Amino acid sequence: MFKHILSFTLLFNLVFAAQNAAACGAHNFYLNPDEYGVIGGTFIKLAGLAPPEPVFKVKHVPMTKVTLGVESEITVDYERPWFSSDVRIQLSSSAGVSLAEEIIDLDDYDGSVKVNFSLEKPGYNTIRVKVIGVHKGEEVAYSSVIYVQAKKSVAKVERL
């Protein structure tokens, strides 16, 4: 009897749950189609169990180590759809990172941009990369994070 109640409750929630209410669960309950091969991945995509593909695709390193106080750069690759407009990268950072630019316009449909920054304080530092633009009449945003860490410095010791 317990199995029937549990099955009915699960089915009821899957059928009648609002999309917005299930959005938080999407991070936990979606399946990665790349882990199930070609046939399994296709079934997962057709069943709607895979997360939707982002409109603006951004690729960059997840973490970088740089020297304190030295100007550094990270390359961010991007792709955007043909019918998108007013697309830009909006950069923000934690207090320990100083950015050279905060907004970079994306005129091409694919390419790469260089993000110039310097690390001012050691510790937990991040750079947030947010791509904002208009696609099919709606404003769409996609964001990701780059973690920045200080390189360990080795002090030179002179021997007499």
N, C-alpha and C. Protein backbone atom coordinates (compact mmCIF):
# COMPACT_ATOMS: atom_id res chain seq x y z
N MET A 1 0.83 -1.20 0.00
CA MET A 1 0.00 0.00 0.00
C MET A 1 0.87 1.26 0.00
N PHE A 2 1.97 1.19 0.79
CA PHE A 2 2.86 2.34 0.86
C PHE A 2 3.46 2.65 -0.50
N LYS A 3 3.82 1.62 -1.28
CA LYS A 3 4.37 1.82 -2.62
C LYS A 3 3.37 2.53 -3.53
N HIS A 4 2.09 2.18 -3.42
CA HIS A 4 1.07 2.81 -4.25
C HIS A 4 0.90 4.29 -3.89
N ILE A 5 0.91 4.59 -2.61
CA ILE A 5 0.77 5.98 -2.18
C ILE A 5 1.99 6.79 -2.63
N LEU A 6 3.17 6.21 -2.43
CA LEU A 6 4.38 6.90 -2.86
C LEU A 6 4.41 7.10 -4.37
N SER A 7 4.02 6.09 -5.12
CA SER A 7 3.98 6.20 -6.59
C SER A 7 2.98 7.25 -7.04
N PHE A 8 1.80 7.26 -6.43
CA PHE A 8 0.77 8.23 -6.79
C PHE A 8 1.24 9.65 -6.46
N THR A 9 1.85 9.83 -5.29
CA THR A 9 2.33 11.15 -4.90
C THR A 9 3.42 11.64 -5.85
N LEU A 10 4.33 10.76 -6.19
CA LEU A 10 5.38 11.12 -7.13
C LEU A 10 4.82 11.47 -8.50
N LEU A 11 3.92 10.67 -9.01
CA LEU A 11 3.29 10.94 -10.30
C LEU A 11 2.51 12.25 -10.28
N PHE A 12 1.79 12.49 -9.22
CA PHE A 12 1.01 13.72 -9.09
C PHE A 12 1.93 14.94 -9.12
N ASN A 13 3.05 14.87 -8.38
CA ASN A 13 3.99 15.99 -8.35
C ASN A 13 4.66 16.20 -9.70
N LEU A 14 4.98 15.14 -10.39
CA LEU A 14 5.61 15.28 -11.70
C LEU A 14 4.66 15.88 -12.74
N VAL A 15 3.40 15.51 -12.66
CA VAL A 15 2.43 15.97 -13.65
C VAL A 15 1.95 17.39 -13.37
N PHE A 16 1.67 17.71 -12.11
CA PHE A 16 1.01 18.97 -11.80
C PHE A 16 1.92 20.03 -11.17
N ALA A 17 3.18 19.75 -10.96
CA ALA A 17 4.08 20.75 -10.36
C ALA A 17 4.34 21.86 -11.37
N ALA A 18 4.33 23.08 -10.89
CA ALA A 18 4.59 24.22 -11.77
C ALA A 18 6.06 24.25 -12.16
N GLN A 19 6.35 24.73 -13.34
CA GLN A 19 7.73 24.77 -13.84
C GLN A 19 8.60 25.65 -12.94
N ASN A 20 8.07 26.77 -12.49
CA ASN A 20 8.86 27.65 -11.64
C ASN A 20 9.15 27.02 -10.29
N ALA A 21 8.22 26.26 -9.76
CA ALA A 21 8.43 25.62 -8.47
C ALA A 21 9.48 24.51 -8.58
N ALA A 22 9.60 23.90 -9.72
CA ALA A 22 10.55 22.81 -9.92
C ALA A 22 11.92 23.31 -10.36
N ALA A 23 12.07 24.63 -10.55
CA ALA A 23 13.34 25.16 -11.07
C ALA A 23 14.50 24.90 -10.12
N CYS A 24 14.28 25.02 -8.83
CA CYS A 24 15.37 24.77 -7.88
C CYS A 24 15.77 23.31 -7.88
N GLY A 25 14.82 22.45 -8.06
CA GLY A 25 15.12 21.03 -8.11
C GLY A 25 15.81 20.62 -9.39
N ALA A 26 15.82 21.51 -10.37
CA ALA A 26 16.43 21.18 -11.66
C ALA A 26 17.92 20.90 -11.51
N HIS A 27 18.56 21.60 -10.60
CA HIS A 27 19.99 21.38 -10.42
C HIS A 27 20.27 20.00 -9.84
N ASN A 28 19.34 19.47 -9.07
CA ASN A 28 19.56 18.18 -8.42
C ASN A 28 18.98 17.01 -9.19
N PHE A 29 17.90 17.21 -9.92
CA PHE A 29 17.18 16.10 -10.51
C PHE A 29 17.42 15.89 -11.99
N TYR A 30 18.02 16.87 -12.69
CA TYR A 30 18.31 16.67 -14.10
C TYR A 30 19.41 15.63 -14.28
N LEU A 31 19.33 14.90 -15.35
CA LEU A 31 20.34 13.91 -15.68
C LEU A 31 21.28 14.48 -16.73
N ASN A 32 22.53 14.10 -16.68
CA ASN A 32 23.50 14.54 -17.66
C ASN A 32 23.48 13.57 -18.83
N PRO A 33 22.99 13.95 -20.00
CA PRO A 33 22.89 13.02 -21.13
C PRO A 33 24.24 12.52 -21.63
N ASP A 34 25.32 13.24 -21.36
CA ASP A 34 26.65 12.81 -21.80
C ASP A 34 27.12 11.55 -21.08
N GLU A 35 26.56 11.28 -19.91
CA GLU A 35 26.98 10.11 -19.14
C GLU A 35 26.27 8.82 -19.56
N TYR A 36 25.28 8.91 -20.43
CA TYR A 36 24.47 7.75 -20.77
C TYR A 36 24.63 7.28 -22.21
N GLY A 37 25.62 7.75 -22.91
CA GLY A 37 25.86 7.31 -24.27
C GLY A 37 24.91 7.97 -25.26
N VAL A 38 24.96 7.51 -26.51
CA VAL A 38 24.18 8.13 -27.58
C VAL A 38 22.68 7.83 -27.41
N ILE A 39 22.34 6.57 -27.26
CA ILE A 39 20.92 6.19 -27.19
C ILE A 39 20.30 6.66 -25.89
N GLY A 40 20.96 6.40 -24.76
CA GLY A 40 20.43 6.84 -23.47
C GLY A 40 20.34 8.35 -23.37
N GLY A 41 21.36 9.05 -23.89
CA GLY A 41 21.34 10.51 -23.89
C GLY A 41 20.22 11.08 -24.72
N THR A 42 19.92 10.43 -25.86
CA THR A 42 18.81 10.88 -26.71
C THR A 42 17.48 10.71 -25.99
N PHE A 43 17.29 9.58 -25.33
CA PHE A 43 16.04 9.37 -24.58
C PHE A 43 15.89 10.37 -23.45
N ILE A 44 16.98 10.69 -22.77
CA ILE A 44 16.93 11.66 -21.68
C ILE A 44 16.55 13.04 -22.21
N LYS A 45 17.12 13.43 -23.35
CA LYS A 45 16.78 14.73 -23.94
C LYS A 45 15.33 14.77 -24.41
N LEU A 46 14.85 13.68 -25.04
CA LEU A 46 13.47 13.64 -25.52
C LEU A 46 12.46 13.64 -24.37
N ALA A 47 12.83 13.02 -23.25
CA ALA A 47 11.92 12.97 -22.10
C ALA A 47 11.92 14.27 -21.31
N GLY A 48 12.83 15.18 -21.62
CA GLY A 48 12.87 16.45 -20.92
C GLY A 48 13.57 16.36 -19.58
N LEU A 49 14.38 15.36 -19.37
CA LEU A 49 15.09 15.18 -18.11
C LEU A 49 16.47 15.82 -18.11
N ALA A 50 16.86 16.42 -19.22
CA ALA A 50 18.15 17.10 -19.32
C ALA A 50 17.91 18.60 -19.18
N PRO A 51 18.88 19.32 -18.61
CA PRO A 51 18.71 20.77 -18.49
C PRO A 51 18.72 21.42 -19.86
N PRO A 52 18.00 22.53 -20.03
CA PRO A 52 17.99 23.19 -21.34
C PRO A 52 19.36 23.78 -21.66
N GLU A 53 19.68 23.80 -22.95
CA GLU A 53 20.96 24.37 -23.38
C GLU A 53 20.90 25.89 -23.21
N PRO A 54 22.00 26.50 -22.76
CA PRO A 54 22.00 27.95 -22.61
C PRO A 54 21.96 28.63 -23.98
N VAL A 55 21.32 29.80 -24.03
CA VAL A 55 21.23 30.55 -25.28
C VAL A 55 22.60 31.10 -25.66
N PHE A 56 23.30 31.67 -24.68
CA PHE A 56 24.63 32.20 -24.89
C PHE A 56 25.62 31.21 -24.28
N LYS A 57 26.52 30.70 -25.10
CA LYS A 57 27.48 29.71 -24.62
C LYS A 57 28.80 30.40 -24.32
N VAL A 58 29.31 30.17 -23.12
CA VAL A 58 30.54 30.79 -22.66
C VAL A 58 31.47 29.69 -22.16
N LYS A 59 32.74 29.79 -22.56
CA LYS A 59 33.73 28.81 -22.14
C LYS A 59 34.95 29.55 -21.60
N HIS A 60 35.37 29.19 -20.40
CA HIS A 60 36.57 29.76 -19.79
C HIS A 60 37.10 28.79 -18.75
N VAL A 61 38.27 29.10 -18.20
CA VAL A 61 38.84 28.25 -17.17
C VAL A 61 38.02 28.41 -15.88
N PRO A 62 37.84 27.34 -15.12
CA PRO A 62 37.07 27.48 -13.89
C PRO A 62 37.86 28.15 -12.77
N MET A 63 39.20 28.00 -12.78
CA MET A 63 40.04 28.58 -11.75
C MET A 63 41.40 28.94 -12.34
N THR A 64 41.99 29.99 -11.80
CA THR A 64 43.31 30.39 -12.25
C THR A 64 44.14 30.83 -11.05
N LYS A 65 45.45 30.63 -11.16
CA LYS A 65 46.39 31.10 -10.14
C LYS A 65 47.26 32.18 -10.77
N VAL A 66 47.33 33.33 -10.11
CA VAL A 66 48.11 34.46 -10.63
C VAL A 66 48.96 35.05 -9.50
N THR A 67 49.92 35.86 -9.88
CA THR A 67 50.79 36.53 -8.93
C THR A 67 50.11 37.79 -8.42
N LEU A 68 50.26 38.07 -7.14
CA LEU A 68 49.66 39.26 -6.54
C LEU A 68 50.21 40.53 -7.18
N GLY A 69 49.33 41.48 -7.49
CA GLY A 69 49.73 42.79 -8.00
C GLY A 69 50.18 42.84 -9.45
N VAL A 70 50.16 41.73 -10.15
CA VAL A 70 50.60 41.69 -11.55
C VAL A 70 49.38 41.64 -12.46
N GLU A 71 49.42 42.44 -13.53
CA GLU A 71 48.32 42.44 -14.50
C GLU A 71 48.23 41.08 -15.18
N SER A 72 47.05 40.45 -15.14
CA SER A 72 46.84 39.12 -15.72
C SER A 72 45.65 39.18 -16.67
N GLU A 73 45.48 38.11 -17.44
CA GLU A 73 44.34 38.05 -18.35
C GLU A 73 43.82 36.62 -18.47
N ILE A 74 42.54 36.53 -18.74
CA ILE A 74 41.86 35.26 -18.96
C ILE A 74 41.12 35.38 -20.29
N THR A 75 41.17 34.33 -21.10
CA THR A 75 40.45 34.32 -22.37
C THR A 75 39.08 33.67 -22.16
N VAL A 76 38.04 34.36 -22.61
CA VAL A 76 36.67 33.86 -22.53
C VAL A 76 36.15 33.66 -23.95
N ASP A 77 35.85 32.41 -24.31
CA ASP A 77 35.28 32.10 -25.62
C ASP A 77 33.76 32.16 -25.51
N TYR A 78 33.10 32.62 -26.58
CA TYR A 78 31.65 32.75 -26.54
C TYR A 78 31.03 32.38 -27.88
N GLU A 79 29.77 32.02 -27.84
CA GLU A 79 28.93 31.82 -29.02
C GLU A 79 27.57 32.41 -28.71
N ARG A 80 26.97 33.04 -29.70
CA ARG A 80 25.61 33.56 -29.52
C ARG A 80 24.79 33.27 -30.77
N PRO A 81 23.47 33.15 -30.65
CA PRO A 81 22.64 32.83 -31.81
C PRO A 81 22.58 33.98 -32.81
N TRP A 82 22.17 33.64 -34.03
CA TRP A 82 22.09 34.63 -35.11
C TRP A 82 21.11 35.76 -34.82
N PHE A 83 19.99 35.46 -34.24
CA PHE A 83 18.95 36.47 -34.06
C PHE A 83 19.01 37.10 -32.68
N SER A 84 20.20 37.21 -32.12
CA SER A 84 20.36 37.88 -30.83
C SER A 84 20.92 39.28 -31.07
N SER A 85 20.64 40.17 -30.15
CA SER A 85 21.11 41.55 -30.30
C SER A 85 21.47 42.12 -28.94
N ASP A 86 22.23 43.20 -28.96
CA ASP A 86 22.62 43.91 -27.75
C ASP A 86 23.24 42.95 -26.72
N VAL A 87 24.16 42.10 -27.18
CA VAL A 87 24.78 41.10 -26.31
C VAL A 87 26.08 41.68 -25.76
N ARG A 88 26.25 41.54 -24.46
CA ARG A 88 27.44 42.06 -23.79
C ARG A 88 27.81 41.17 -22.62
N ILE A 89 29.09 41.23 -22.25
CA ILE A 89 29.57 40.54 -21.06
C ILE A 89 29.71 41.59 -19.97
N GLN A 90 29.06 41.32 -18.86
CA GLN A 90 29.15 42.21 -17.70
C GLN A 90 29.99 41.50 -16.64
N LEU A 91 31.09 42.12 -16.25
CA LEU A 91 32.03 41.53 -15.30
C LEU A 91 31.89 42.18 -13.94
N SER A 92 31.96 41.37 -12.91
CA SER A 92 32.03 41.88 -11.54
C SER A 92 32.98 40.97 -10.78
N SER A 93 33.53 41.49 -9.68
CA SER A 93 34.53 40.71 -8.96
C SER A 93 34.39 40.94 -7.46
N SER A 94 35.07 40.09 -6.73
CA SER A 94 35.12 40.25 -5.28
C SER A 94 36.09 41.39 -4.96
N ALA A 95 36.20 41.74 -3.69
CA ALA A 95 36.98 42.91 -3.30
C ALA A 95 38.47 42.76 -3.58
N GLY A 96 38.99 41.55 -3.67
CA GLY A 96 40.41 41.34 -3.87
C GLY A 96 40.87 41.41 -5.31
N VAL A 97 39.94 41.56 -6.26
CA VAL A 97 40.28 41.57 -7.69
C VAL A 97 39.92 42.93 -8.27
N SER A 98 40.85 43.49 -9.05
CA SER A 98 40.63 44.76 -9.73
C SER A 98 40.50 44.49 -11.23
N LEU A 99 39.34 44.84 -11.80
CA LEU A 99 39.08 44.60 -13.22
C LEU A 99 39.43 45.83 -14.06
N ALA A 100 39.98 45.60 -15.25
CA ALA A 100 40.29 46.71 -16.16
C ALA A 100 39.02 47.22 -16.84
N GLU A 101 38.10 46.30 -17.21
CA GLU A 101 36.83 46.66 -17.85
C GLU A 101 35.70 45.94 -17.13
N GLU A 102 34.53 46.54 -17.12
CA GLU A 102 33.38 45.87 -16.50
C GLU A 102 32.34 45.45 -17.52
N ILE A 103 32.34 46.05 -18.70
CA ILE A 103 31.38 45.69 -19.75
C ILE A 103 32.14 45.54 -21.07
N ILE A 104 31.93 44.40 -21.72
CA ILE A 104 32.54 44.13 -23.03
C ILE A 104 31.41 43.79 -23.99
N ASP A 105 31.26 44.57 -25.06
CA ASP A 105 30.23 44.31 -26.07
C ASP A 105 30.67 43.17 -26.98
N LEU A 106 29.74 42.28 -27.32
CA LEU A 106 30.01 41.14 -28.20
C LEU A 106 29.36 41.42 -29.54
N ASP A 107 30.15 41.88 -30.50
CA ASP A 107 29.63 42.23 -31.82
C ASP A 107 29.57 41.02 -32.74
N ASP A 108 30.53 40.10 -32.62
CA ASP A 108 30.56 38.91 -33.48
C ASP A 108 29.67 37.82 -32.90
N TYR A 109 29.33 36.83 -33.73
CA TYR A 109 28.47 35.74 -33.29
C TYR A 109 29.24 34.66 -32.54
N ASP A 110 30.54 34.60 -32.75
CA ASP A 110 31.39 33.73 -31.93
C ASP A 110 32.79 34.31 -31.95
N GLY A 111 33.53 33.99 -30.92
CA GLY A 111 34.88 34.52 -30.82
C GLY A 111 35.38 34.41 -29.40
N SER A 112 36.36 35.24 -29.10
CA SER A 112 36.91 35.24 -27.75
C SER A 112 37.28 36.67 -27.36
N VAL A 113 37.21 36.93 -26.07
CA VAL A 113 37.60 38.22 -25.53
C VAL A 113 38.58 37.97 -24.39
N LYS A 114 39.41 38.96 -24.13
CA LYS A 114 40.38 38.86 -23.05
C LYS A 114 39.90 39.73 -21.89
N VAL A 115 39.87 39.13 -20.71
CA VAL A 115 39.49 39.83 -19.49
C VAL A 115 40.78 40.15 -18.73
N ASN A 116 41.09 41.44 -18.61
CA ASN A 116 42.28 41.89 -17.91
C ASN A 116 41.93 42.22 -16.47
N PHE A 117 42.77 41.75 -15.54
CA PHE A 117 42.52 41.99 -14.12
C PHE A 117 43.84 41.89 -13.37
N SER A 118 43.82 42.33 -12.12
CA SER A 118 44.96 42.11 -11.24
C SER A 118 44.44 41.70 -9.87
N LEU A 119 45.16 40.80 -9.24
CA LEU A 119 44.79 40.29 -7.93
C LEU A 119 45.48 41.16 -6.89
N GLU A 120 44.67 41.80 -6.05
CA GLU A 120 45.19 42.73 -5.06
C GLU A 120 45.36 42.09 -3.68
N LYS A 121 44.49 41.15 -3.32
CA LYS A 121 44.53 40.53 -1.99
C LYS A 121 44.46 39.01 -2.14
N PRO A 122 45.24 38.28 -1.36
CA PRO A 122 45.11 36.82 -1.40
C PRO A 122 43.83 36.39 -0.70
N GLY A 123 43.40 35.18 -0.95
CA GLY A 123 42.20 34.65 -0.32
C GLY A 123 41.21 34.16 -1.35
N TYR A 124 39.95 34.09 -0.93
CA TYR A 124 38.86 33.60 -1.78
C TYR A 124 38.40 34.74 -2.68
N ASN A 125 38.76 34.71 -3.94
CA ASN A 125 38.41 35.76 -4.89
C ASN A 125 37.73 35.17 -6.10
N THR A 126 36.79 35.91 -6.65
CA THR A 126 36.04 35.44 -7.81
C THR A 126 35.86 36.56 -8.83
N ILE A 127 35.68 36.15 -10.07
CA ILE A 127 35.25 37.05 -11.15
C ILE A 127 33.98 36.44 -11.71
N ARG A 128 32.87 37.19 -11.69
CA ARG A 128 31.61 36.72 -12.22
C ARG A 128 31.46 37.23 -13.65
N VAL A 129 31.24 36.29 -14.58
CA VAL A 129 31.06 36.59 -16.00
C VAL A 129 29.58 36.42 -16.31
N LYS A 130 28.91 37.51 -16.64
CA LYS A 130 27.47 37.46 -16.93
C LYS A 130 27.24 37.95 -18.35
N VAL A 131 26.65 37.10 -19.19
CA VAL A 131 26.35 37.46 -20.57
C VAL A 131 24.88 37.84 -20.63
N ILE A 132 24.60 39.05 -21.10
CA ILE A 132 23.24 39.58 -21.17
C ILE A 132 22.96 39.99 -22.61
N GLY A 133 21.76 39.66 -23.09
CA GLY A 133 21.39 40.06 -24.45
C GLY A 133 19.93 39.79 -24.72
N VAL A 134 19.48 40.21 -25.89
CA VAL A 134 18.09 40.02 -26.30
C VAL A 134 18.06 38.91 -27.35
N HIS A 135 17.19 37.91 -27.11
CA HIS A 135 17.02 36.81 -28.04
C HIS A 135 15.53 36.50 -28.14
N LYS A 136 15.00 36.54 -29.36
CA LYS A 136 13.58 36.32 -29.64
C LYS A 136 12.69 37.26 -28.83
N GLY A 137 13.13 38.50 -28.71
CA GLY A 137 12.33 39.52 -28.03
C GLY A 137 12.41 39.51 -26.52
N GLU A 138 13.13 38.58 -25.93
CA GLU A 138 13.26 38.51 -24.48
C GLU A 138 14.70 38.74 -24.07
N GLU A 139 14.88 39.39 -22.91
CA GLU A 139 16.23 39.56 -22.40
C GLU A 139 16.64 38.27 -21.69
N VAL A 140 17.78 37.75 -22.09
CA VAL A 140 18.29 36.48 -21.57
C VAL A 140 19.63 36.75 -20.92
N ALA A 141 19.89 36.08 -19.80
CA ALA A 141 21.16 36.24 -19.10
C ALA A 141 21.71 34.86 -18.74
N TYR A 142 23.02 34.75 -18.79
CA TYR A 142 23.72 33.53 -18.40
C TYR A 142 24.95 33.96 -17.61
N SER A 143 25.19 33.34 -16.48
CA SER A 143 26.35 33.74 -15.69
C SER A 143 27.18 32.53 -15.26
N SER A 144 28.45 32.78 -15.05
CA SER A 144 29.38 31.78 -14.57
C SER A 144 30.43 32.48 -13.72
N VAL A 145 31.24 31.67 -13.04
CA VAL A 145 32.21 32.22 -12.09
C VAL A 145 33.61 31.67 -12.40
N ILE A 146 34.60 32.54 -12.26
CA ILE A 146 36.00 32.15 -12.35
C ILE A 146 36.61 32.40 -10.97
N TYR A 147 37.21 31.38 -10.40
CA TYR A 147 37.85 31.51 -9.10
C TYR A 147 39.31 31.92 -9.31
N VAL A 148 39.76 32.90 -8.54
CA VAL A 148 41.11 33.43 -8.68
C VAL A 148 41.86 33.20 -7.37
N GLN A 149 43.05 32.63 -7.49
CA GLN A 149 43.85 32.32 -6.32
C GLN A 149 45.26 32.86 -6.54
N ALA A 150 45.92 33.24 -5.44
CA ALA A 150 47.29 33.75 -5.53
C ALA A 150 48.27 32.59 -5.59
N LYS A 151 49.30 32.76 -6.43
CA LYS A 151 50.37 31.77 -6.49
C LYS A 151 51.18 31.86 -5.21
N LYS A 152 51.65 30.73 -4.75
CA LYS A 152 52.53 30.73 -3.58
C LYS A 152 53.88 31.26 -4.01
N SER A 153 54.38 32.23 -3.26
CA SER A 153 55.68 32.80 -3.62
C SER A 153 56.76 32.11 -2.80
N VAL A 154 57.88 31.92 -3.44
CA VAL A 154 59.03 31.30 -2.79
C VAL A 154 60.08 32.40 -2.60
N ALA A 155 60.43 32.65 -1.37
CA ALA A 155 61.44 33.69 -1.10
C ALA A 155 62.83 33.13 -1.35
N LYS A 156 63.64 33.90 -2.04
CA LYS A 156 65.01 33.48 -2.32
C LYS A 156 65.89 33.80 -1.11
N VAL A 157 66.69 32.84 -0.73
CA VAL A 157 67.58 33.03 0.41
C VAL A 157 69.01 33.06 -0.12
N GLU A 158 69.70 34.12 0.20
CA GLU A 158 71.08 34.23 -0.24
C GLU A 158 71.99 33.62 0.81
N ARG A 159 72.92 32.83 0.35
CA ARG A 159 73.88 32.19 1.25
C ARG A 159 75.22 32.90 1.13
N LEU A 160 75.85 33.05 2.26
CA LEU A 160 77.17 33.70 2.26
C LEU A 160 78.26 32.68 2.14
